[in-house]
Amino acid sequence: MINRVFHYLSYLRFVMYMWGSYIAFPELFNQSENIISNIGFGLFLFGIGLSLEGFKKSDDFTKMEIKRFANPKLTKRVLLISFLMYCFAILTGVLFFNVGNIYSNASSEFISKFKELGYGSLALGIGGITIVKEQYNRLNAFLKENFKEIDVSKSN
């Protein structure tokens, strides 16, 4: 029962992705005066969407996952690079939080916009690390399942 609730809750990720896209992507083409705040809020929504991704039901492996997990060394490298990129997003968020300390004569409006961008970067980084951890666990489960099949076939 609780697994089903979490699985249905995971569908909110699509709402977060669409909402983040609606807020952030127009700023790339038609920059407004709130470009930093809007991109920060869009990143925040993407981060929440990535976090909700971990709630989905993950009992079976999809064809795409089987194809990806068939090469575990490459998958581990991709996961490591993804982990480092999301850590960089977190560090960038911390940098944005401290923009007032770096530029001491900056206006309070400028500082508050960059803090909002910092919240977005932080949420994106944490959500991404959540996905990397889930994918690493799924890779390990895939490898265990395949080694059981190999061991059974060798013993017969």
N, C-alpha and C. Protein backbone atom coordinates (compact mmCIF):
# COMPACT_ATOMS: atom_id res chain seq x y z
N MET A 1 0.82 -1.20 0.00
CA MET A 1 0.00 0.00 0.00
C MET A 1 0.86 1.25 0.00
N ILE A 2 1.83 1.32 0.93
CA ILE A 2 2.66 2.52 1.03
C ILE A 2 3.54 2.67 -0.21
N ASN A 3 3.98 1.54 -0.79
CA ASN A 3 4.77 1.62 -2.02
C ASN A 3 3.96 2.22 -3.16
N ARG A 4 2.69 1.87 -3.21
CA ARG A 4 1.83 2.41 -4.26
C ARG A 4 1.64 3.92 -4.08
N VAL A 5 1.50 4.37 -2.83
CA VAL A 5 1.36 5.80 -2.56
C VAL A 5 2.61 6.54 -3.02
N PHE A 6 3.78 6.00 -2.68
CA PHE A 6 5.02 6.64 -3.10
C PHE A 6 5.16 6.64 -4.62
N HIS A 7 4.74 5.54 -5.25
CA HIS A 7 4.82 5.47 -6.71
C HIS A 7 3.93 6.54 -7.34
N TYR A 8 2.71 6.70 -6.85
CA TYR A 8 1.83 7.73 -7.39
C TYR A 8 2.35 9.13 -7.07
N LEU A 9 2.97 9.28 -5.93
CA LEU A 9 3.57 10.56 -5.57
C LEU A 9 4.72 10.91 -6.52
N SER A 10 5.38 9.90 -7.05
CA SER A 10 6.50 10.15 -7.95
C SER A 10 6.06 10.81 -9.26
N TYR A 11 4.80 10.68 -9.61
CA TYR A 11 4.32 11.31 -10.84
C TYR A 11 4.30 12.83 -10.73
N LEU A 12 4.40 13.35 -9.53
CA LEU A 12 4.50 14.81 -9.38
C LEU A 12 5.78 15.35 -10.00
N ARG A 13 6.75 14.46 -10.27
CA ARG A 13 7.99 14.90 -10.88
C ARG A 13 7.74 15.53 -12.24
N PHE A 14 6.77 15.01 -12.97
CA PHE A 14 6.46 15.57 -14.28
C PHE A 14 5.91 16.99 -14.15
N VAL A 15 5.11 17.21 -13.11
CA VAL A 15 4.59 18.56 -12.85
C VAL A 15 5.75 19.50 -12.55
N MET A 16 6.69 19.03 -11.72
CA MET A 16 7.84 19.86 -11.36
C MET A 16 8.71 20.16 -12.58
N TYR A 17 8.93 19.16 -13.43
CA TYR A 17 9.73 19.38 -14.63
C TYR A 17 9.06 20.38 -15.57
N MET A 18 7.75 20.22 -15.76
CA MET A 18 7.04 21.14 -16.65
C MET A 18 6.99 22.55 -16.08
N TRP A 19 6.75 22.66 -14.79
CA TRP A 19 6.70 23.96 -14.15
C TRP A 19 8.08 24.63 -14.21
N GLY A 20 9.13 23.88 -13.93
CA GLY A 20 10.49 24.43 -14.02
C GLY A 20 10.84 24.86 -15.42
N SER A 21 10.41 24.07 -16.41
CA SER A 21 10.65 24.44 -17.80
C SER A 21 9.89 25.70 -18.17
N TYR A 22 8.66 25.80 -17.69
CA TYR A 22 7.83 26.98 -17.97
C TYR A 22 8.45 28.25 -17.38
N ILE A 23 9.09 28.12 -16.22
CA ILE A 23 9.69 29.27 -15.55
C ILE A 23 11.06 29.60 -16.13
N ALA A 24 11.92 28.60 -16.32
CA ALA A 24 13.33 28.86 -16.63
C ALA A 24 13.62 29.01 -18.13
N PHE A 25 13.05 28.17 -18.98
CA PHE A 25 13.44 28.19 -20.38
C PHE A 25 13.10 29.48 -21.12
N PRO A 26 11.97 30.12 -20.88
CA PRO A 26 11.74 31.39 -21.57
C PRO A 26 12.79 32.45 -21.26
N GLU A 27 13.42 32.36 -20.10
CA GLU A 27 14.45 33.32 -19.74
C GLU A 27 15.69 33.20 -20.61
N LEU A 28 15.90 32.04 -21.19
CA LEU A 28 17.06 31.85 -22.06
C LEU A 28 16.91 32.61 -23.38
N PHE A 29 15.68 32.88 -23.79
CA PHE A 29 15.44 33.55 -25.06
C PHE A 29 15.03 35.01 -24.88
N ASN A 30 14.13 35.26 -23.96
CA ASN A 30 13.65 36.62 -23.69
C ASN A 30 13.97 36.98 -22.25
N GLN A 31 15.16 37.52 -22.04
CA GLN A 31 15.58 37.80 -20.68
C GLN A 31 14.77 38.95 -20.09
N SER A 32 14.26 38.69 -18.89
CA SER A 32 13.54 39.72 -18.16
C SER A 32 14.44 40.24 -17.06
N GLU A 33 13.91 41.14 -16.27
CA GLU A 33 14.70 41.68 -15.16
C GLU A 33 14.85 40.67 -14.02
N ASN A 34 14.05 39.61 -14.04
CA ASN A 34 14.10 38.57 -13.01
C ASN A 34 14.76 37.30 -13.50
N ILE A 35 15.69 37.41 -14.44
CA ILE A 35 16.29 36.22 -15.04
C ILE A 35 16.96 35.33 -14.01
N ILE A 36 17.70 35.92 -13.09
CA ILE A 36 18.43 35.12 -12.10
C ILE A 36 17.45 34.40 -11.18
N SER A 37 16.44 35.11 -10.71
CA SER A 37 15.45 34.50 -9.81
C SER A 37 14.65 33.41 -10.52
N ASN A 38 14.26 33.67 -11.76
CA ASN A 38 13.46 32.67 -12.49
C ASN A 38 14.27 31.41 -12.79
N ILE A 39 15.52 31.57 -13.19
CA ILE A 39 16.35 30.39 -13.45
C ILE A 39 16.60 29.65 -12.14
N GLY A 40 16.82 30.39 -11.05
CA GLY A 40 17.00 29.75 -9.75
C GLY A 40 15.79 28.96 -9.33
N PHE A 41 14.58 29.54 -9.53
CA PHE A 41 13.36 28.82 -9.17
C PHE A 41 13.15 27.61 -10.07
N GLY A 42 13.50 27.75 -11.37
CA GLY A 42 13.40 26.62 -12.28
C GLY A 42 14.34 25.49 -11.87
N LEU A 43 15.57 25.83 -11.48
CA LEU A 43 16.50 24.80 -11.00
C LEU A 43 15.99 24.14 -9.74
N PHE A 44 15.38 24.93 -8.86
CA PHE A 44 14.80 24.38 -7.64
C PHE A 44 13.72 23.36 -7.97
N LEU A 45 12.85 23.69 -8.93
CA LEU A 45 11.78 22.76 -9.32
C LEU A 45 12.35 21.50 -9.98
N PHE A 46 13.41 21.65 -10.80
CA PHE A 46 14.05 20.48 -11.39
C PHE A 46 14.65 19.59 -10.30
N GLY A 47 15.24 20.20 -9.28
CA GLY A 47 15.81 19.44 -8.17
C GLY A 47 14.75 18.68 -7.40
N ILE A 48 13.60 19.31 -7.17
CA ILE A 48 12.49 18.61 -6.50
C ILE A 48 12.00 17.47 -7.38
N GLY A 49 11.92 17.70 -8.69
CA GLY A 49 11.52 16.64 -9.60
C GLY A 49 12.48 15.46 -9.57
N LEU A 50 13.78 15.75 -9.54
CA LEU A 50 14.76 14.67 -9.44
C LEU A 50 14.61 13.90 -8.13
N SER A 51 14.33 14.61 -7.07
CA SER A 51 14.13 13.94 -5.78
C SER A 51 12.91 13.04 -5.81
N LEU A 52 11.84 13.50 -6.45
CA LEU A 52 10.62 12.69 -6.55
C LEU A 52 10.83 11.46 -7.44
N GLU A 53 11.82 11.53 -8.30
CA GLU A 53 12.15 10.41 -9.18
C GLU A 53 12.49 9.15 -8.37
N GLY A 54 13.04 9.34 -7.18
CA GLY A 54 13.40 8.21 -6.33
C GLY A 54 12.21 7.48 -5.73
N PHE A 55 11.03 8.06 -5.80
CA PHE A 55 9.84 7.42 -5.24
C PHE A 55 9.19 6.43 -6.19
N LYS A 56 9.62 6.42 -7.46
CA LYS A 56 8.93 5.56 -8.42
C LYS A 56 9.17 4.09 -8.12
N LYS A 57 8.24 3.29 -8.58
CA LYS A 57 8.33 1.84 -8.39
C LYS A 57 9.48 1.32 -9.23
N SER A 58 10.34 0.56 -8.61
CA SER A 58 11.52 0.09 -9.34
C SER A 58 11.76 -1.40 -9.13
N ASP A 59 10.71 -2.18 -9.30
CA ASP A 59 10.85 -3.62 -9.12
C ASP A 59 11.50 -4.29 -10.32
N ASP A 60 11.10 -3.90 -11.51
CA ASP A 60 11.60 -4.53 -12.72
C ASP A 60 12.58 -3.60 -13.43
N PHE A 61 13.45 -4.21 -14.21
CA PHE A 61 14.40 -3.43 -15.00
C PHE A 61 13.81 -3.19 -16.38
N THR A 62 13.94 -1.97 -16.86
CA THR A 62 13.47 -1.65 -18.20
C THR A 62 14.50 -2.13 -19.22
N LYS A 63 14.10 -2.19 -20.48
CA LYS A 63 15.03 -2.62 -21.53
C LYS A 63 16.21 -1.66 -21.62
N MET A 64 15.94 -0.38 -21.44
CA MET A 64 17.02 0.60 -21.51
C MET A 64 18.00 0.42 -20.35
N GLU A 65 17.49 0.10 -19.16
CA GLU A 65 18.37 -0.14 -18.02
C GLU A 65 19.20 -1.40 -18.21
N ILE A 66 18.60 -2.44 -18.75
CA ILE A 66 19.33 -3.68 -18.99
C ILE A 66 20.47 -3.43 -19.97
N LYS A 67 20.19 -2.67 -21.01
CA LYS A 67 21.22 -2.33 -21.99
C LYS A 67 22.33 -1.50 -21.35
N ARG A 68 21.95 -0.54 -20.51
CA ARG A 68 22.92 0.34 -19.85
C ARG A 68 23.73 -0.42 -18.80
N PHE A 69 23.07 -1.27 -18.02
CA PHE A 69 23.75 -1.99 -16.95
C PHE A 69 24.58 -3.17 -17.46
N ALA A 70 24.42 -3.53 -18.73
CA ALA A 70 25.19 -4.64 -19.29
C ALA A 70 26.68 -4.33 -19.29
N ASN A 71 27.05 -3.06 -19.31
CA ASN A 71 28.44 -2.64 -19.23
C ASN A 71 28.64 -1.93 -17.89
N PRO A 72 28.90 -2.68 -16.80
CA PRO A 72 28.94 -2.06 -15.48
C PRO A 72 30.08 -1.05 -15.29
N LYS A 73 31.22 -1.27 -15.95
CA LYS A 73 32.33 -0.32 -15.80
C LYS A 73 31.95 1.04 -16.36
N LEU A 74 31.35 1.05 -17.54
CA LEU A 74 30.94 2.31 -18.14
C LEU A 74 29.85 2.98 -17.31
N THR A 75 28.92 2.17 -16.81
CA THR A 75 27.84 2.71 -15.98
C THR A 75 28.39 3.34 -14.71
N LYS A 76 29.36 2.68 -14.08
CA LYS A 76 29.96 3.24 -12.87
C LYS A 76 30.70 4.54 -13.16
N ARG A 77 31.37 4.62 -14.30
CA ARG A 77 32.05 5.86 -14.68
C ARG A 77 31.05 6.98 -14.89
N VAL A 78 29.97 6.68 -15.59
CA VAL A 78 28.94 7.70 -15.83
C VAL A 78 28.33 8.16 -14.51
N LEU A 79 28.08 7.22 -13.61
CA LEU A 79 27.53 7.58 -12.30
C LEU A 79 28.51 8.43 -11.51
N LEU A 80 29.80 8.12 -11.59
CA LEU A 80 30.81 8.91 -10.88
C LEU A 80 30.88 10.33 -11.44
N ILE A 81 30.87 10.44 -12.76
CA ILE A 81 30.90 11.77 -13.38
C ILE A 81 29.64 12.55 -13.02
N SER A 82 28.49 11.88 -13.03
CA SER A 82 27.24 12.54 -12.65
C SER A 82 27.29 13.00 -11.20
N PHE A 83 27.81 12.14 -10.32
CA PHE A 83 27.94 12.50 -8.92
C PHE A 83 28.81 13.74 -8.75
N LEU A 84 29.93 13.77 -9.46
CA LEU A 84 30.82 14.93 -9.36
C LEU A 84 30.16 16.20 -9.89
N MET A 85 29.39 16.07 -10.96
CA MET A 85 28.70 17.25 -11.51
C MET A 85 27.65 17.76 -10.52
N TYR A 86 26.92 16.86 -9.88
CA TYR A 86 25.92 17.30 -8.90
C TYR A 86 26.59 17.88 -7.65
N CYS A 87 27.75 17.36 -7.28
CA CYS A 87 28.51 17.97 -6.18
C CYS A 87 28.95 19.37 -6.56
N PHE A 88 29.33 19.55 -7.82
CA PHE A 88 29.70 20.87 -8.31
C PHE A 88 28.50 21.82 -8.24
N ALA A 89 27.30 21.32 -8.53
CA ALA A 89 26.10 22.14 -8.42
C ALA A 89 25.88 22.59 -6.97
N ILE A 90 26.14 21.69 -6.03
CA ILE A 90 26.00 22.04 -4.61
C ILE A 90 27.03 23.10 -4.23
N LEU A 91 28.27 22.91 -4.67
CA LEU A 91 29.31 23.90 -4.39
C LEU A 91 28.99 25.26 -5.02
N THR A 92 28.41 25.23 -6.22
CA THR A 92 27.99 26.46 -6.86
C THR A 92 26.90 27.14 -6.05
N GLY A 93 25.98 26.36 -5.52
CA GLY A 93 24.94 26.91 -4.66
C GLY A 93 25.52 27.57 -3.42
N VAL A 94 26.51 26.93 -2.83
CA VAL A 94 27.17 27.51 -1.65
C VAL A 94 27.86 28.81 -2.04
N LEU A 95 28.48 28.83 -3.22
CA LEU A 95 29.11 30.06 -3.70
C LEU A 95 28.07 31.18 -3.87
N PHE A 96 26.93 30.83 -4.43
CA PHE A 96 25.88 31.84 -4.62
C PHE A 96 25.34 32.35 -3.28
N PHE A 97 25.32 31.49 -2.26
CA PHE A 97 24.89 31.95 -0.93
C PHE A 97 25.86 32.98 -0.36
N ASN A 98 27.13 32.86 -0.72
CA ASN A 98 28.15 33.74 -0.19
C ASN A 98 28.51 34.88 -1.11
N VAL A 99 27.68 35.18 -2.10
CA VAL A 99 27.98 36.26 -3.03
C VAL A 99 28.04 37.61 -2.32
N GLY A 100 27.32 37.76 -1.22
CA GLY A 100 27.37 38.99 -0.44
C GLY A 100 28.71 39.17 0.25
N ASN A 101 29.34 38.08 0.63
CA ASN A 101 30.67 38.15 1.25
C ASN A 101 31.75 38.42 0.21
N ILE A 102 31.55 37.92 -1.00
CA ILE A 102 32.54 38.10 -2.06
C ILE A 102 32.47 39.52 -2.61
N TYR A 103 31.24 39.99 -2.89
CA TYR A 103 31.02 41.35 -3.38
C TYR A 103 30.33 42.13 -2.28
N SER A 104 31.11 42.69 -1.40
CA SER A 104 30.54 43.35 -0.22
C SER A 104 29.75 44.62 -0.55
N ASN A 105 30.04 45.25 -1.68
CA ASN A 105 29.30 46.47 -2.02
C ASN A 105 28.13 46.21 -2.98
N ALA A 106 27.71 44.95 -3.14
CA ALA A 106 26.58 44.61 -4.01
C ALA A 106 25.27 44.99 -3.32
N SER A 107 24.27 45.28 -4.13
CA SER A 107 22.97 45.66 -3.57
C SER A 107 22.28 44.44 -2.96
N SER A 108 21.38 44.71 -2.04
CA SER A 108 20.67 43.61 -1.37
C SER A 108 19.77 42.86 -2.34
N GLU A 109 19.25 43.53 -3.36
CA GLU A 109 18.41 42.87 -4.37
C GLU A 109 19.26 41.88 -5.17
N PHE A 110 20.46 42.29 -5.55
CA PHE A 110 21.38 41.42 -6.28
C PHE A 110 21.74 40.19 -5.45
N ILE A 111 22.02 40.40 -4.18
CA ILE A 111 22.38 39.31 -3.29
C ILE A 111 21.21 38.35 -3.11
N SER A 112 19.99 38.88 -2.95
CA SER A 112 18.83 38.01 -2.75
C SER A 112 18.53 37.18 -4.00
N LYS A 113 18.74 37.76 -5.19
CA LYS A 113 18.52 36.99 -6.42
C LYS A 113 19.53 35.85 -6.52
N PHE A 114 20.76 36.11 -6.17
CA PHE A 114 21.76 35.05 -6.24
C PHE A 114 21.56 34.01 -5.16
N LYS A 115 21.00 34.41 -4.02
CA LYS A 115 20.67 33.40 -3.00
C LYS A 115 19.58 32.48 -3.51
N GLU A 116 18.62 33.03 -4.24
CA GLU A 116 17.57 32.19 -4.82
C GLU A 116 18.17 31.23 -5.85
N LEU A 117 19.13 31.71 -6.62
CA LEU A 117 19.83 30.83 -7.55
C LEU A 117 20.62 29.77 -6.79
N GLY A 118 21.13 30.13 -5.61
CA GLY A 118 21.84 29.18 -4.76
C GLY A 118 20.92 28.08 -4.26
N TYR A 119 19.68 28.45 -3.86
CA TYR A 119 18.72 27.44 -3.44
C TYR A 119 18.41 26.47 -4.58
N GLY A 120 18.27 27.02 -5.78
CA GLY A 120 18.00 26.17 -6.94
C GLY A 120 19.14 25.22 -7.23
N SER A 121 20.36 25.73 -7.17
CA SER A 121 21.54 24.87 -7.42
C SER A 121 21.67 23.80 -6.35
N LEU A 122 21.39 24.18 -5.11
CA LEU A 122 21.46 23.23 -4.01
C LEU A 122 20.42 22.12 -4.17
N ALA A 123 19.19 22.49 -4.50
CA ALA A 123 18.13 21.50 -4.70
C ALA A 123 18.45 20.59 -5.88
N LEU A 124 18.98 21.16 -6.97
CA LEU A 124 19.35 20.36 -8.13
C LEU A 124 20.45 19.37 -7.78
N GLY A 125 21.44 19.82 -7.04
CA GLY A 125 22.53 18.94 -6.65
C GLY A 125 22.08 17.80 -5.75
N ILE A 126 21.27 18.12 -4.75
CA ILE A 126 20.78 17.08 -3.83
C ILE A 126 19.86 16.10 -4.56
N GLY A 127 18.97 16.61 -5.40
CA GLY A 127 18.10 15.73 -6.17
C GLY A 127 18.89 14.84 -7.11
N GLY A 128 19.93 15.39 -7.74
CA GLY A 128 20.76 14.60 -8.64
C GLY A 128 21.53 13.52 -7.92
N ILE A 129 22.06 13.84 -6.75
CA ILE A 129 22.79 12.83 -5.97
C ILE A 129 21.84 11.71 -5.54
N THR A 130 20.59 12.07 -5.26
CA THR A 130 19.59 11.05 -4.94
C THR A 130 19.40 10.08 -6.10
N ILE A 131 19.33 10.62 -7.31
CA ILE A 131 19.16 9.77 -8.50
C ILE A 131 20.39 8.91 -8.73
N VAL A 132 21.57 9.49 -8.55
CA VAL A 132 22.81 8.72 -8.73
C VAL A 132 22.85 7.56 -7.75
N LYS A 133 22.47 7.80 -6.50
CA LYS A 133 22.46 6.73 -5.49
C LYS A 133 21.45 5.64 -5.88
N GLU A 134 20.28 6.06 -6.33
CA GLU A 134 19.27 5.08 -6.71
C GLU A 134 19.74 4.25 -7.90
N GLN A 135 20.37 4.89 -8.88
CA GLN A 135 20.87 4.16 -10.04
C GLN A 135 22.00 3.22 -9.67
N TYR A 136 22.84 3.63 -8.73
CA TYR A 136 23.92 2.75 -8.25
C TYR A 136 23.34 1.52 -7.55
N ASN A 137 22.31 1.73 -6.73
CA ASN A 137 21.65 0.60 -6.07
C ASN A 137 21.00 -0.33 -7.09
N ARG A 138 20.40 0.25 -8.13
CA ARG A 138 19.78 -0.57 -9.16
C ARG A 138 20.83 -1.35 -9.94
N LEU A 139 21.98 -0.74 -10.20
CA LEU A 139 23.07 -1.44 -10.87
C LEU A 139 23.53 -2.63 -10.03
N ASN A 140 23.70 -2.43 -8.74
CA ASN A 140 24.11 -3.53 -7.86
C ASN A 140 23.07 -4.64 -7.83
N ALA A 141 21.79 -4.27 -7.79
CA ALA A 141 20.72 -5.28 -7.82
C ALA A 141 20.73 -6.04 -9.14
N PHE A 142 20.97 -5.34 -10.23
CA PHE A 142 21.04 -5.97 -11.55
C PHE A 142 22.20 -6.96 -11.60
N LEU A 143 23.36 -6.54 -11.09
CA LEU A 143 24.52 -7.42 -11.10
C LEU A 143 24.30 -8.64 -10.22
N LYS A 144 23.68 -8.47 -9.06
CA LYS A 144 23.39 -9.62 -8.18
C LYS A 144 22.44 -10.58 -8.87
N GLU A 145 21.41 -10.04 -9.51
CA GLU A 145 20.42 -10.89 -10.19
C GLU A 145 21.07 -11.67 -11.32
N ASN A 146 21.93 -11.02 -12.08
CA ASN A 146 22.58 -11.71 -13.20
C ASN A 146 23.60 -12.72 -12.72
N PHE A 147 24.31 -12.46 -11.62
CA PHE A 147 25.27 -13.42 -11.11
C PHE A 147 24.56 -14.64 -10.53
N LYS A 148 23.36 -14.47 -9.97
CA LYS A 148 22.60 -15.62 -9.49
C LYS A 148 22.24 -16.53 -10.66
N GLU A 149 21.82 -15.92 -11.79
CA GLU A 149 21.47 -16.71 -12.96
C GLU A 149 22.70 -17.44 -13.50
N ILE A 150 23.84 -16.78 -13.50
CA ILE A 150 25.07 -17.40 -13.99
C ILE A 150 25.49 -18.54 -13.08
N ASP A 151 25.42 -18.32 -11.75
CA ASP A 151 25.80 -19.36 -10.80
C ASP A 151 24.87 -20.58 -10.90
N VAL A 152 23.58 -20.35 -11.08
CA VAL A 152 22.63 -21.45 -11.21
C VAL A 152 22.90 -22.24 -12.47
N SER A 153 23.19 -21.56 -13.56
CA SER A 153 23.42 -22.26 -14.83
C SER A 153 24.73 -23.04 -14.78
N LYS A 154 25.75 -22.56 -14.05
CA LYS A 154 27.00 -23.29 -13.96
C LYS A 154 26.86 -24.55 -13.10
N SER A 155 26.01 -24.50 -12.08
CA SER A 155 25.88 -25.65 -11.19
C SER A 155 25.08 -26.78 -11.80
N ASN A 156 24.29 -26.53 -12.84
CA ASN A 156 23.49 -27.58 -13.48
C ASN A 156 24.28 -28.40 -14.41
